Amino acid sequence: MTDNEIIRHIDDGVYFYLDFFADAKHMEQIDTGFYRYTRPRPGEQGISFVYDVRLEDLPREQQVV
């Protein structure tokens, strides 16, 4: 297995658990098109996660080269 394949499996596992966490009734998930985040619903307390960052999807002028 290559390093990239290992990293992809790890990422897939993280995304699965963070999506699962977002299914809790006091949490919500937002996908901006460039990244996803999970946060507590308004009026609830909890932790926020930013993940699945897709820098390659940013418009070319916003990508730092």
C-alpha atoms as a PDB file:
ATOM      1  CA  MET A   1       0.000   0.000   0.000  1.00  0.00           C
ATOM      2  CA  THR A   2       1.371   3.418  -0.916  1.00  0.00           C
ATOM      3  CA  ASP A   3       1.618   6.370   1.456  1.00  0.00           C
ATOM      4  CA  ASN A   4      -1.173   8.136  -0.438  1.00  0.00           C
ATOM      5  CA  GLU A   5      -3.475   5.127  -0.102  1.00  0.00           C
ATOM      6  CA  ILE A   6      -2.833   4.984   3.639  1.00  0.00           C
ATOM      7  CA  ILE A   7      -3.539   8.711   3.996  1.00  0.00           C
ATOM      8  CA  ARG A   8      -6.784   8.318   1.999  1.00  0.00           C
ATOM      9  CA  HIS A   9      -7.979   5.518   4.310  1.00  0.00           C
ATOM     10  CA  ILE A  10      -7.224   7.654   7.366  1.00  0.00           C
ATOM     11  CA  ASP A  11      -9.058  10.643   5.858  1.00  0.00           C
ATOM     12  CA  ASP A  12     -12.065   8.476   4.971  1.00  0.00           C
ATOM     13  CA  GLY A  13     -12.239   7.202   8.566  1.00  0.00           C
ATOM     14  CA  VAL A  14     -12.060  10.712   9.982  1.00  0.00           C
ATOM     15  CA  TYR A  15     -14.789  11.953   7.639  1.00  0.00           C
ATOM     16  CA  PHE A  16     -17.011   9.015   8.605  1.00  0.00           C
ATOM     17  CA  TYR A  17     -16.756   9.734  12.332  1.00  0.00           C
ATOM     18  CA  LEU A  18     -17.150  13.499  11.994  1.00  0.00           C
ATOM     19  CA  ASP A  19     -20.206  13.024   9.754  1.00  0.00           C
ATOM     20  CA  PHE A  20     -21.561  10.549  12.318  1.00  0.00           C
ATOM     21  CA  PHE A  21     -20.940  13.103  15.105  1.00  0.00           C
ATOM     22  CA  ALA A  22     -22.843  15.715  13.061  1.00  0.00           C
ATOM     23  CA  ASP A  23     -25.905  13.431  13.108  1.00  0.00           C
ATOM     24  CA  ALA A  24     -26.396  14.142  16.831  1.00  0.00           C
ATOM     25  CA  LYS A  25     -29.563  16.192  17.317  1.00  0.00           C
ATOM     26  CA  HIS A  26     -27.661  19.073  18.963  1.00  0.00           C
ATOM     27  CA  MET A  27     -25.135  19.340  16.097  1.00  0.00           C
ATOM     28  CA  GLU A  28     -25.259  20.464  12.467  1.00  0.00           C
ATOM     29  CA  GLN A  29     -22.980  20.109   9.472  1.00  0.00           C
ATOM     30  CA  ILE A  30     -22.307  22.771   6.866  1.00  0.00           C
ATOM     31  CA  ASP A  31     -20.524  22.217   3.552  1.00  0.00           C
ATOM     32  CA  THR A  32     -19.222  25.446   2.040  1.00  0.00           C
ATOM     33  CA  GLY A  33     -18.031  23.748  -1.133  1.00  0.00           C
ATOM     34  CA  PHE A  34     -14.415  24.228  -0.039  1.00  0.00           C
ATOM     35  CA  TYR A  35     -14.588  22.567   3.376  1.00  0.00           C
ATOM     36  CA  ARG A  36     -17.076  21.012   5.779  1.00  0.00           C
ATOM     37  CA  TYR A  37     -17.625  21.895   9.389  1.00  0.00           C
ATOM     38  CA  THR A  38     -19.639  20.464  12.205  1.00  0.00           C
ATOM     39  CA  ARG A  39     -20.815  22.726  14.990  1.00  0.00           C
ATOM     40  CA  PRO A  40     -23.403  22.881  17.757  1.00  0.00           C
ATOM     41  CA  ARG A  41     -26.845  24.094  16.708  1.00  0.00           C
ATOM     42  CA  PRO A  42     -27.766  27.598  17.897  1.00  0.00           C
ATOM     43  CA  GLY A  43     -28.355  27.593  21.652  1.00  0.00           C
ATOM     44  CA  GLU A  44     -26.404  24.357  22.149  1.00  0.00           C
ATOM     45  CA  GLN A  45     -22.895  23.886  23.481  1.00  0.00           C
ATOM     46  CA  GLY A  46     -20.204  21.720  21.999  1.00  0.00           C
ATOM     47  CA  ILE A  47     -17.096  21.615  19.894  1.00  0.00           C
ATOM     48  CA  SER A  48     -16.687  22.616  16.246  1.00  0.00           C
ATOM     49  CA  PHE A  49     -14.643  20.757  13.639  1.00  0.00           C
ATOM     50  CA  VAL A  50     -13.389  22.024  10.280  1.00  0.00           C
ATOM     51  CA  TYR A  51     -12.440  19.184   7.936  1.00  0.00           C
ATOM     52  CA  ASP A  52     -12.437  17.913   4.368  1.00  0.00           C
ATOM     53  CA  VAL A  53     -10.600  21.035   3.208  1.00  0.00           C
ATOM     54  CA  ARG A  54     -10.595  21.105  -0.598  1.00  0.00           C
ATOM     55  CA  LEU A  55      -8.068  23.775  -1.520  1.00  0.00           C
ATOM     56  CA  GLU A  56      -7.934  22.519  -5.098  1.00  0.00           C
ATOM     57  CA  ASP A  57     -11.587  23.607  -5.465  1.00  0.00           C
ATOM     58  CA  LEU A  58     -10.823  27.238  -4.621  1.00  0.00           C
ATOM     59  CA  PRO A  59     -10.960  29.682  -7.517  1.00  0.00           C
ATOM     60  CA  ARG A  60      -7.491  30.014  -9.085  1.00  0.00           C
ATOM     61  CA  GLU A  61      -7.040  33.615  -7.854  1.00  0.00           C
ATOM     62  CA  GLN A  62      -7.575  32.467  -4.243  1.00  0.00           C
ATOM     63  CA  GLN A  63      -5.066  29.643  -4.398  1.00  0.00           C
ATOM     64  CA  VAL A  64      -1.689  30.537  -2.983  1.00  0.00           C
ATOM     65  CA  VAL A  65       0.952  29.222  -5.332  1.00  0.00           C
END
